[in-house]
Amino acid sequence: MNTTESKYVDKKSYLSRYAHERGVALRESDARLAAEFGDEERCRRYIKEELTRFVPFLIRKCGLEFRGRVLEIGAGSAWLSAEISKLPGVVEVVATDF
């Protein structure tokens, strides 16, 4: 697996009139996660160490192959899209969410 940096780019021109509400919801979600883990540092460590294992799991156990252009619908905070964008065969990832 290629461990290069994600090529994620947030296209501001696509932000809807609900962008503010989405930002508030994401901050609330982050606060809930931090409360669940005790502090932000433990939460960040979990995301960095545990969630990055998900894509290799999908490739190995489910036989998925990510290549070319990938569309993630219901991306939430787009952590999966960011991880998929690091794979060598992936050219572009488009992530969308309400």
PDB file of N, CA and C in Angstrom:
ATOM      1  N   MET A   1       0.832  -1.181   0.000  1.00  0.00           N
ATOM      2  CA  MET A   1       0.000   0.000   0.000  1.00  0.00           C
ATOM      3  C   MET A   1       0.877   1.245   0.000  1.00  0.00           C
ATOM      4  N   ASN A   2       0.537   2.192  -0.824  1.00  0.00           N
ATOM      5  CA  ASN A   2       1.270   3.440  -0.921  1.00  0.00           C
ATOM      6  C   ASN A   2       0.915   4.324   0.270  1.00  0.00           C
ATOM      7  N   THR A   3       1.895   4.825   0.972  1.00  0.00           N
ATOM      8  CA  THR A   3       1.634   5.645   2.154  1.00  0.00           C
ATOM      9  C   THR A   3       1.872   7.122   1.887  1.00  0.00           C
ATOM     10  N   THR A   4       1.737   7.542   0.637  1.00  0.00           N
ATOM     11  CA  THR A   4       1.920   8.964   0.328  1.00  0.00           C
ATOM     12  C   THR A   4       0.769   9.761   0.910  1.00  0.00           C
ATOM     13  N   GLU A   5       0.924  11.047   0.893  1.00  0.00           N
ATOM     14  CA  GLU A   5      -0.104  11.925   1.415  1.00  0.00           C
ATOM     15  C   GLU A   5      -1.346  11.882   0.531  1.00  0.00           C
ATOM     16  N   SER A   6      -2.476  12.124   1.140  1.00  0.00           N
ATOM     17  CA  SER A   6      -3.738  12.194   0.415  1.00  0.00           C
ATOM     18  C   SER A   6      -3.723  13.416  -0.495  1.00  0.00           C
ATOM     19  N   LYS A   7      -4.358  13.291  -1.631  1.00  0.00           N
ATOM     20  CA  LYS A   7      -4.467  14.405  -2.564  1.00  0.00           C
ATOM     21  C   LYS A   7      -5.818  15.102  -2.410  1.00  0.00           C
ATOM     22  N   TYR A   8      -6.448  14.936  -1.216  1.00  0.00           N
ATOM     23  CA  TYR A   8      -7.774  15.482  -0.955  1.00  0.00           C
ATOM     24  C   TYR A   8      -7.772  16.994  -1.115  1.00  0.00           C
ATOM     25  N   VAL A   9      -8.750  17.488  -1.867  1.00  0.00           N
ATOM     26  CA  VAL A   9      -8.927  18.919  -2.057  1.00  0.00           C
ATOM     27  C   VAL A   9     -10.400  19.231  -1.837  1.00  0.00           C
ATOM     28  N   ASP A  10     -10.687  20.134  -0.937  1.00  0.00           N
ATOM     29  CA  ASP A  10     -12.064  20.533  -0.674  1.00  0.00           C
ATOM     30  C   ASP A  10     -12.416  21.638  -1.654  1.00  0.00           C
ATOM     31  N   LYS A  11     -13.311  21.346  -2.583  1.00  0.00           N
ATOM     32  CA  LYS A  11     -13.681  22.327  -3.598  1.00  0.00           C
ATOM     33  C   LYS A  11     -14.745  23.263  -3.029  1.00  0.00           C
ATOM     34  N   LYS A  12     -14.312  24.443  -2.629  1.00  0.00           N
ATOM     35  CA  LYS A  12     -15.202  25.412  -1.995  1.00  0.00           C
ATOM     36  C   LYS A  12     -16.353  25.823  -2.906  1.00  0.00           C
ATOM     37  N   SER A  13     -16.148  25.790  -4.218  1.00  0.00           N
ATOM     38  CA  SER A  13     -17.204  26.197  -5.131  1.00  0.00           C
ATOM     39  C   SER A  13     -18.405  25.258  -5.065  1.00  0.00           C
ATOM     40  N   TYR A  14     -18.214  24.053  -4.527  1.00  0.00           N
ATOM     41  CA  TYR A  14     -19.311  23.095  -4.431  1.00  0.00           C
ATOM     42  C   TYR A  14     -20.082  23.204  -3.121  1.00  0.00           C
ATOM     43  N   LEU A  15     -19.610  24.030  -2.209  1.00  0.00           N
ATOM     44  CA  LEU A  15     -20.277  24.131  -0.921  1.00  0.00           C
ATOM     45  C   LEU A  15     -21.673  24.730  -1.101  1.00  0.00           C
ATOM     46  N   SER A  16     -22.622  24.122  -0.457  1.00  0.00           N
ATOM     47  CA  SER A  16     -24.004  24.583  -0.587  1.00  0.00           C
ATOM     48  C   SER A  16     -24.331  25.608   0.476  1.00  0.00           C
ATOM     49  N   ARG A  17     -25.559  26.042   0.464  1.00  0.00           N
ATOM     50  CA  ARG A  17     -25.993  26.987   1.489  1.00  0.00           C
ATOM     51  C   ARG A  17     -26.045  26.335   2.861  1.00  0.00           C
ATOM     52  N   TYR A  18     -25.921  24.996   2.913  1.00  0.00           N
ATOM     53  CA  TYR A  18     -25.947  24.270   4.176  1.00  0.00           C
ATOM     54  C   TYR A  18     -24.549  24.027   4.745  1.00  0.00           C
ATOM     55  N   ALA A  19     -23.544  24.612   4.133  1.00  0.00           N
ATOM     56  CA  ALA A  19     -22.163  24.375   4.564  1.00  0.00           C
ATOM     57  C   ALA A  19     -21.958  24.753   6.020  1.00  0.00           C
ATOM     58  N   HIS A  20     -22.556  25.835   6.463  1.00  0.00           N
ATOM     59  CA  HIS A  20     -22.401  26.261   7.850  1.00  0.00           C
ATOM     60  C   HIS A  20     -22.976  25.200   8.800  1.00  0.00           C
ATOM     61  N   GLU A  21     -24.189  24.720   8.486  1.00  0.00           N
ATOM     62  CA  GLU A  21     -24.820  23.700   9.324  1.00  0.00           C
ATOM     63  C   GLU A  21     -23.984  22.426   9.350  1.00  0.00           C
ATOM     64  N   ARG A  22     -23.390  22.070   8.207  1.00  0.00           N
ATOM     65  CA  ARG A  22     -22.542  20.886   8.131  1.00  0.00           C
ATOM     66  C   ARG A  22     -21.314  21.062   9.025  1.00  0.00           C
ATOM     67  N   GLY A  23     -20.720  22.243   8.987  1.00  0.00           N
ATOM     68  CA  GLY A  23     -19.557  22.519   9.826  1.00  0.00           C
ATOM     69  C   GLY A  23     -19.890  22.413  11.303  1.00  0.00           C
ATOM     70  N   VAL A  24     -21.052  22.929  11.697  1.00  0.00           N
ATOM     71  CA  VAL A  24     -21.487  22.837  13.085  1.00  0.00           C
ATOM     72  C   VAL A  24     -21.688  21.378  13.468  1.00  0.00           C
ATOM     73  N   ALA A  25     -22.331  20.606  12.589  1.00  0.00           N
ATOM     74  CA  ALA A  25     -22.571  19.189  12.867  1.00  0.00           C
ATOM     75  C   ALA A  25     -21.256  18.423  12.995  1.00  0.00           C
ATOM     76  N   LEU A  26     -20.274  18.732  12.138  1.00  0.00           N
ATOM     77  CA  LEU A  26     -18.978  18.060  12.218  1.00  0.00           C
ATOM     78  C   LEU A  26     -18.268  18.393  13.529  1.00  0.00           C
ATOM     79  N   ARG A  27     -18.319  19.641  13.955  1.00  0.00           N
ATOM     80  CA  ARG A  27     -17.694  20.017  15.220  1.00  0.00           C
ATOM     81  C   ARG A  27     -18.370  19.306  16.393  1.00  0.00           C
ATOM     82  N   GLU A  28     -19.700  19.203  16.347  1.00  0.00           N
ATOM     83  CA  GLU A  28     -20.425  18.485  17.397  1.00  0.00           C
ATOM     84  C   GLU A  28     -20.045  17.016  17.394  1.00  0.00           C
ATOM     85  N   SER A  29     -19.918  16.446  16.198  1.00  0.00           N
ATOM     86  CA  SER A  29     -19.518  15.046  16.069  1.00  0.00           C
ATOM     87  C   SER A  29     -18.118  14.841  16.638  1.00  0.00           C
ATOM     88  N   ASP A  30     -17.194  15.739  16.314  1.00  0.00           N
ATOM     89  CA  ASP A  30     -15.834  15.660  16.842  1.00  0.00           C
ATOM     90  C   ASP A  30     -15.836  15.758  18.365  1.00  0.00           C
ATOM     91  N   ALA A  31     -16.684  16.626  18.905  1.00  0.00           N
ATOM     92  CA  ALA A  31     -16.763  16.778  20.358  1.00  0.00           C
ATOM     93  C   ALA A  31     -17.283  15.500  21.003  1.00  0.00           C
ATOM     94  N   ARG A  32     -18.278  14.852  20.367  1.00  0.00           N
ATOM     95  CA  ARG A  32     -18.805  13.584  20.904  1.00  0.00           C
ATOM     96  C   ARG A  32     -17.730  12.507  20.888  1.00  0.00           C
ATOM     97  N   LEU A  33     -16.973  12.435  19.777  1.00  0.00           N
ATOM     98  CA  LEU A  33     -15.893  11.448  19.701  1.00  0.00           C
ATOM     99  C   LEU A  33     -14.846  11.702  20.781  1.00  0.00           C
ATOM    100  N   ALA A  34     -14.466  12.958  20.949  1.00  0.00           N
ATOM    101  CA  ALA A  34     -13.460  13.295  21.953  1.00  0.00           C
ATOM    102  C   ALA A  34     -13.968  12.935  23.347  1.00  0.00           C
ATOM    103  N   ALA A  35     -15.250  13.178  23.611  1.00  0.00           N
ATOM    104  CA  ALA A  35     -15.822  12.834  24.910  1.00  0.00           C
ATOM    105  C   ALA A  35     -15.807  11.316  25.112  1.00  0.00           C
ATOM    106  N   GLU A  36     -16.098  10.577  24.034  1.00  0.00           N
ATOM    107  CA  GLU A  36     -16.107   9.115  24.120  1.00  0.00           C
ATOM    108  C   GLU A  36     -14.720   8.559  24.405  1.00  0.00           C
ATOM    109  N   PHE A  37     -13.702   9.164  23.807  1.00  0.00           N
ATOM    110  CA  PHE A  37     -12.338   8.679  23.978  1.00  0.00           C
ATOM    111  C   PHE A  37     -11.615   9.329  25.150  1.00  0.00           C
ATOM    112  N   GLY A  38     -12.217  10.308  25.756  1.00  0.00           N
ATOM    113  CA  GLY A  38     -11.596  10.952  26.908  1.00  0.00           C
ATOM    114  C   GLY A  38     -10.901  12.253  26.566  1.00  0.00           C
ATOM    115  N   ASP A  39     -10.252  12.312  25.421  1.00  0.00           N
ATOM    116  CA  ASP A  39      -9.635  13.559  24.981  1.00  0.00           C
ATOM    117  C   ASP A  39      -9.390  13.497  23.473  1.00  0.00           C
ATOM    118  N   GLU A  40      -9.080  14.652  22.906  1.00  0.00           N
ATOM    119  CA  GLU A  40      -8.877  14.739  21.459  1.00  0.00           C
ATOM    120  C   GLU A  40      -7.678  13.927  20.989  1.00  0.00           C
ATOM    121  N   GLU A  41      -6.626  13.902  21.779  1.00  0.00           N
ATOM    122  CA  GLU A  41      -5.413  13.183  21.369  1.00  0.00           C
ATOM    123  C   GLU A  41      -5.686  11.688  21.212  1.00  0.00           C
ATOM    124  N   ARG A  42      -6.405  11.094  22.142  1.00  0.00           N
ATOM    125  CA  ARG A  42      -6.757   9.666  22.038  1.00  0.00           C
ATOM    126  C   ARG A  42      -7.644   9.425  20.829  1.00  0.00           C
ATOM    127  N   CYS A  43      -8.541  10.358  20.555  1.00  0.00           N
ATOM    128  CA  CYS A  43      -9.428  10.249  19.391  1.00  0.00           C
ATOM    129  C   CYS A  43      -8.603  10.306  18.107  1.00  0.00           C
ATOM    130  N   ARG A  44      -7.688  11.250  17.995  1.00  0.00           N
ATOM    131  CA  ARG A  44      -6.832  11.363  16.804  1.00  0.00           C
ATOM    132  C   ARG A  44      -5.980  10.113  16.614  1.00  0.00           C
ATOM    133  N   ARG A  45      -5.457   9.584  17.711  1.00  0.00           N
ATOM    134  CA  ARG A  45      -4.639   8.374  17.648  1.00  0.00           C
ATOM    135  C   ARG A  45      -5.476   7.189  17.140  1.00  0.00           C
ATOM    136  N   TYR A  46      -6.712   7.086  17.617  1.00  0.00           N
ATOM    137  CA  TYR A  46      -7.607   6.020  17.154  1.00  0.00           C
ATOM    138  C   TYR A  46      -7.840   6.140  15.647  1.00  0.00           C
ATOM    139  N   ILE A  47      -8.149   7.351  15.202  1.00  0.00           N
ATOM    140  CA  ILE A  47      -8.417   7.560  13.777  1.00  0.00           C
ATOM    141  C   ILE A  47      -7.185   7.218  12.949  1.00  0.00           C
ATOM    142  N   LYS A  48      -6.025   7.664  13.394  1.00  0.00           N
ATOM    143  CA  LYS A  48      -4.794   7.433  12.640  1.00  0.00           C
ATOM    144  C   LYS A  48      -4.401   5.958  12.629  1.00  0.00           C
ATOM    145  N   GLU A  49      -4.546   5.281  13.766  1.00  0.00           N
ATOM    146  CA  GLU A  49      -4.074   3.901  13.871  1.00  0.00           C
ATOM    147  C   GLU A  49      -5.106   2.868  13.443  1.00  0.00           C
ATOM    148  N   GLU A  50      -6.361   3.065  13.795  1.00  0.00           N
ATOM    149  CA  GLU A  50      -7.377   2.046  13.557  1.00  0.00           C
ATOM    150  C   GLU A  50      -8.065   2.195  12.201  1.00  0.00           C
ATOM    151  N   LEU A  51      -8.501   3.387  11.878  1.00  0.00           N
ATOM    152  CA  LEU A  51      -9.262   3.562  10.645  1.00  0.00           C
ATOM    153  C   LEU A  51      -8.417   3.355   9.390  1.00  0.00           C
ATOM    154  N   THR A  52      -7.110   3.590   9.491  1.00  0.00           N
ATOM    155  CA  THR A  52      -6.250   3.385   8.325  1.00  0.00           C
ATOM    156  C   THR A  52      -6.120   1.907   7.977  1.00  0.00           C
ATOM    157  N   ARG A  53      -6.496   1.031   8.893  1.00  0.00           N
ATOM    158  CA  ARG A  53      -6.446  -0.412   8.625  1.00  0.00           C
ATOM    159  C   ARG A  53      -7.645  -0.904   7.836  1.00  0.00           C
ATOM    160  N   PHE A  54      -8.659  -0.068   7.679  1.00  0.00           N
ATOM    161  CA  PHE A  54      -9.902  -0.496   7.052  1.00  0.00           C
ATOM    162  C   PHE A  54      -9.743  -0.773   5.559  1.00  0.00           C
ATOM    163  N   VAL A  55      -9.035   0.078   4.835  1.00  0.00           N
ATOM    164  CA  VAL A  55      -8.860  -0.114   3.389  1.00  0.00           C
ATOM    165  C   VAL A  55      -8.085  -1.406   3.095  1.00  0.00           C
ATOM    166  N   PRO A  56      -6.963  -1.673   3.768  1.00  0.00           N
ATOM    167  CA  PRO A  56      -6.300  -2.962   3.539  1.00  0.00           C
ATOM    168  C   PRO A  56      -7.212  -4.153   3.860  1.00  0.00           C
ATOM    169  N   PHE A  57      -8.057  -4.011   4.875  1.00  0.00           N
ATOM    170  CA  PHE A  57      -9.011  -5.069   5.211  1.00  0.00           C
ATOM    171  C   PHE A  57      -9.969  -5.305   4.048  1.00  0.00           C
ATOM    172  N   LEU A  58     -10.506  -4.233   3.490  1.00  0.00           N
ATOM    173  CA  LEU A  58     -11.432  -4.368   2.353  1.00  0.00           C
ATOM    174  C   LEU A  58     -10.761  -5.036   1.159  1.00  0.00           C
ATOM    175  N   ILE A  59      -9.523  -4.684   0.918  1.00  0.00           N
ATOM    176  CA  ILE A  59      -8.786  -5.261  -0.210  1.00  0.00           C
ATOM    177  C   ILE A  59      -8.520  -6.741   0.040  1.00  0.00           C
ATOM    178  N   ARG A  60      -8.044  -7.058   1.222  1.00  0.00           N
ATOM    179  CA  ARG A  60      -7.648  -8.430   1.551  1.00  0.00           C
ATOM    180  C   ARG A  60      -8.848  -9.351   1.762  1.00  0.00           C
ATOM    181  N   LYS A  61      -9.754  -8.976   2.633  1.00  0.00           N
ATOM    182  CA  LYS A  61     -10.853  -9.866   3.034  1.00  0.00           C
ATOM    183  C   LYS A  61     -12.027  -9.859   2.063  1.00  0.00           C
ATOM    184  N   CYS A  62     -12.296  -8.721   1.450  1.00  0.00           N
ATOM    185  CA  CYS A  62     -13.470  -8.609   0.583  1.00  0.00           C
ATOM    186  C   CYS A  62     -13.115  -8.692  -0.894  1.00  0.00           C
ATOM    187  N   GLY A  63     -11.825  -8.695  -1.203  1.00  0.00           N
ATOM    188  CA  GLY A  63     -11.399  -8.803  -2.591  1.00  0.00           C
ATOM    189  C   GLY A  63     -11.681  -7.568  -3.430  1.00  0.00           C
ATOM    190  N   LEU A  64     -11.815  -6.412  -2.776  1.00  0.00           N
ATOM    191  CA  LEU A  64     -12.074  -5.184  -3.525  1.00  0.00           C
ATOM    192  C   LEU A  64     -10.793  -4.655  -4.148  1.00  0.00           C
ATOM    193  N   GLU A  65     -10.938  -4.013  -5.282  1.00  0.00           N
ATOM    194  CA  GLU A  65      -9.797  -3.378  -5.944  1.00  0.00           C
ATOM    195  C   GLU A  65     -10.179  -1.936  -6.235  1.00  0.00           C
ATOM    196  N   PHE A  66      -9.415  -1.019  -5.702  1.00  0.00           N
ATOM    197  CA  PHE A  66      -9.662   0.403  -5.931  1.00  0.00           C
ATOM    198  C   PHE A  66      -8.705   0.892  -6.995  1.00  0.00           C
ATOM    199  N   ARG A  67      -9.258   1.377  -8.113  1.00  0.00           N
ATOM    200  CA  ARG A  67      -8.415   1.906  -9.188  1.00  0.00           C
ATOM    201  C   ARG A  67      -9.222   2.891 -10.005  1.00  0.00           C
ATOM    202  N   GLY A  68      -8.516   3.724 -10.744  1.00  0.00           N
ATOM    203  CA  GLY A  68      -9.191   4.712 -11.584  1.00  0.00           C
ATOM    204  C   GLY A  68      -9.881   5.779 -10.761  1.00  0.00           C
ATOM    205  N   ARG A  69     -11.114   6.072 -11.163  1.00  0.00           N
ATOM    206  CA  ARG A  69     -11.910   7.072 -10.455  1.00  0.00           C
ATOM    207  C   ARG A  69     -12.846   6.363  -9.484  1.00  0.00           C
ATOM    208  N   VAL A  70     -12.908   6.860  -8.249  1.00  0.00           N
ATOM    209  CA  VAL A  70     -13.726   6.249  -7.213  1.00  0.00           C
ATOM    210  C   VAL A  70     -14.740   7.280  -6.727  1.00  0.00           C
ATOM    211  N   LEU A  71     -15.993   6.842  -6.575  1.00  0.00           N
ATOM    212  CA  LEU A  71     -17.052   7.701  -6.054  1.00  0.00           C
ATOM    213  C   LEU A  71     -17.489   7.157  -4.701  1.00  0.00           C
ATOM    214  N   GLU A  72     -17.438   8.005  -3.674  1.00  0.00           N
ATOM    215  CA  GLU A  72     -17.963   7.622  -2.367  1.00  0.00           C
ATOM    216  C   GLU A  72     -19.190   8.476  -2.089  1.00  0.00           C
ATOM    217  N   ILE A  73     -20.317   7.817  -1.945  1.00  0.00           N
ATOM    218  CA  ILE A  73     -21.571   8.499  -1.645  1.00  0.00           C
ATOM    219  C   ILE A  73     -21.849   8.332  -0.157  1.00  0.00           C
ATOM    220  N   GLY A  74     -22.215   9.418   0.493  1.00  0.00           N
ATOM    221  CA  GLY A  74     -22.417   9.369   1.941  1.00  0.00           C
ATOM    222  C   GLY A  74     -21.086   9.353   2.667  1.00  0.00           C
ATOM    223  N   ALA A  75     -20.178  10.211   2.242  1.00  0.00           N
ATOM    224  CA  ALA A  75     -18.797  10.181   2.712  1.00  0.00           C
ATOM    225  C   ALA A  75     -18.603  10.703   4.132  1.00  0.00           C
ATOM    226  N   GLY A  76     -19.542  11.434   4.661  1.00  0.00           N
ATOM    227  CA  GLY A  76     -19.353  11.991   6.014  1.00  0.00           C
ATOM    228  C   GLY A  76     -18.141  12.889   6.045  1.00  0.00           C
ATOM    229  N   SER A  77     -17.194  12.602   6.907  1.00  0.00           N
ATOM    230  CA  SER A  77     -15.987  13.427   6.996  1.00  0.00           C
ATOM    231  C   SER A  77     -14.944  13.035   5.955  1.00  0.00           C
ATOM    232  N   ALA A  78     -15.260  12.072   5.107  1.00  0.00           N
ATOM    233  CA  ALA A  78     -14.432  11.646   3.958  1.00  0.00           C
ATOM    234  C   ALA A  78     -13.115  10.990   4.355  1.00  0.00           C
ATOM    235  N   TRP A  79     -13.036  10.393   5.537  1.00  0.00           N
ATOM    236  CA  TRP A  79     -11.796   9.725   5.940  1.00  0.00           C
ATOM    237  C   TRP A  79     -11.509   8.531   5.037  1.00  0.00           C
ATOM    238  N   LEU A  80     -12.564   7.806   4.615  1.00  0.00           N
ATOM    239  CA  LEU A  80     -12.350   6.661   3.734  1.00  0.00           C
ATOM    240  C   LEU A  80     -11.846   7.131   2.367  1.00  0.00           C
ATOM    241  N   SER A  81     -12.420   8.194   1.847  1.00  0.00           N
ATOM    242  CA  SER A  81     -11.965   8.750   0.571  1.00  0.00           C
ATOM    243  C   SER A  81     -10.506   9.178   0.642  1.00  0.00           C
ATOM    244  N   ALA A  82     -10.134   9.793   1.761  1.00  0.00           N
ATOM    245  CA  ALA A  82      -8.741  10.228   1.929  1.00  0.00           C
ATOM    246  C   ALA A  82      -7.803   9.028   1.919  1.00  0.00           C
ATOM    247  N   GLU A  83      -8.196   7.936   2.581  1.00  0.00           N
ATOM    248  CA  GLU A  83      -7.364   6.732   2.596  1.00  0.00           C
ATOM    249  C   GLU A  83      -7.294   6.085   1.220  1.00  0.00           C
ATOM    250  N   ILE A  84      -8.424   6.026   0.520  1.00  0.00           N
ATOM    251  CA  ILE A  84      -8.460   5.428  -0.815  1.00  0.00           C
ATOM    252  C   ILE A  84      -7.609   6.241  -1.790  1.00  0.00           C
ATOM    253  N   SER A  85      -7.588   7.562  -1.616  1.00  0.00           N
ATOM    254  CA  SER A  85      -6.828   8.415  -2.539  1.00  0.00           C
ATOM    255  C   SER A  85      -5.330   8.150  -2.467  1.00  0.00           C
ATOM    256  N   LYS A  86      -4.855   7.490  -1.406  1.00  0.00           N
ATOM    257  CA  LYS A  86      -3.435   7.189  -1.258  1.00  0.00           C
ATOM    258  C   LYS A  86      -3.005   5.951  -2.048  1.00  0.00           C
ATOM    259  N   LEU A  87      -3.967   5.172  -2.522  1.00  0.00           N
ATOM    260  CA  LEU A  87      -3.637   3.937  -3.234  1.00  0.00           C
ATOM    261  C   LEU A  87      -3.047   4.242  -4.606  1.00  0.00           C
ATOM    262  N   PRO A  88      -2.079   3.457  -5.048  1.00  0.00           N
ATOM    263  CA  PRO A  88      -1.368   3.759  -6.293  1.00  0.00           C
ATOM    264  C   PRO A  88      -2.243   3.711  -7.552  1.00  0.00           C
ATOM    265  N   GLY A  89      -3.253   2.869  -7.586  1.00  0.00           N
ATOM    266  CA  GLY A  89      -4.079   2.752  -8.792  1.00  0.00           C
ATOM    267  C   GLY A  89      -5.211   3.747  -8.879  1.00  0.00           C
ATOM    268  N   VAL A  90      -5.378   4.554  -7.857  1.00  0.00           N
ATOM    269  CA  VAL A  90      -6.485   5.506  -7.807  1.00  0.00           C
ATOM    270  C   VAL A  90      -6.054   6.833  -8.423  1.00  0.00           C
ATOM    271  N   VAL A  91      -6.826   7.273  -9.413  1.00  0.00           N
ATOM    272  CA  VAL A  91      -6.527   8.520 -10.114  1.00  0.00           C
ATOM    273  C   VAL A  91      -7.252   9.691  -9.461  1.00  0.00           C
ATOM    274  N   GLU A  92      -8.519   9.468  -9.101  1.00  0.00           N
ATOM    275  CA  GLU A  92      -9.334  10.541  -8.543  1.00  0.00           C
ATOM    276  C   GLU A  92     -10.391   9.932  -7.630  1.00  0.00           C
ATOM    277  N   VAL A  93     -10.691  10.637  -6.535  1.00  0.00           N
ATOM    278  CA  VAL A  93     -11.765  10.220  -5.646  1.00  0.00           C
ATOM    279  C   VAL A  93     -12.731  11.385  -5.538  1.00  0.00           C
ATOM    280  N   VAL A  94     -13.999  11.104  -5.788  1.00  0.00           N
ATOM    281  CA  VAL A  94     -15.049  12.108  -5.624  1.00  0.00           C
ATOM    282  C   VAL A  94     -15.900  11.660  -4.446  1.00  0.00           C
ATOM    283  N   ALA A  95     -16.002  12.515  -3.442  1.00  0.00           N
ATOM    284  CA  ALA A  95     -16.766  12.186  -2.249  1.00  0.00           C
ATOM    285  C   ALA A  95     -17.917  13.183  -2.103  1.00  0.00           C
ATOM    286  N   THR A  96     -19.078  12.666  -1.790  1.00  0.00           N
ATOM    287  CA  THR A  96     -20.235  13.537  -1.623  1.00  0.00           C
ATOM    288  C   THR A  96     -21.013  13.121  -0.382  1.00  0.00           C
ATOM    289  N   ASP A  97     -21.637  14.087   0.240  1.00  0.00           N
ATOM    290  CA  ASP A  97     -22.454  13.829   1.413  1.00  0.00           C
ATOM    291  C   ASP A  97     -23.447  14.960   1.549  1.00  0.00           C
ATOM    292  N   PHE A  98     -24.516  14.714   2.240  1.00  0.00           N
ATOM    293  CA  PHE A  98     -25.509  15.775   2.473  1.00  0.00           C
ATOM    294  C   PHE A  98     -24.874  16.833   3.317  1.00  0.00           C
TER     295      PHE A  98
END
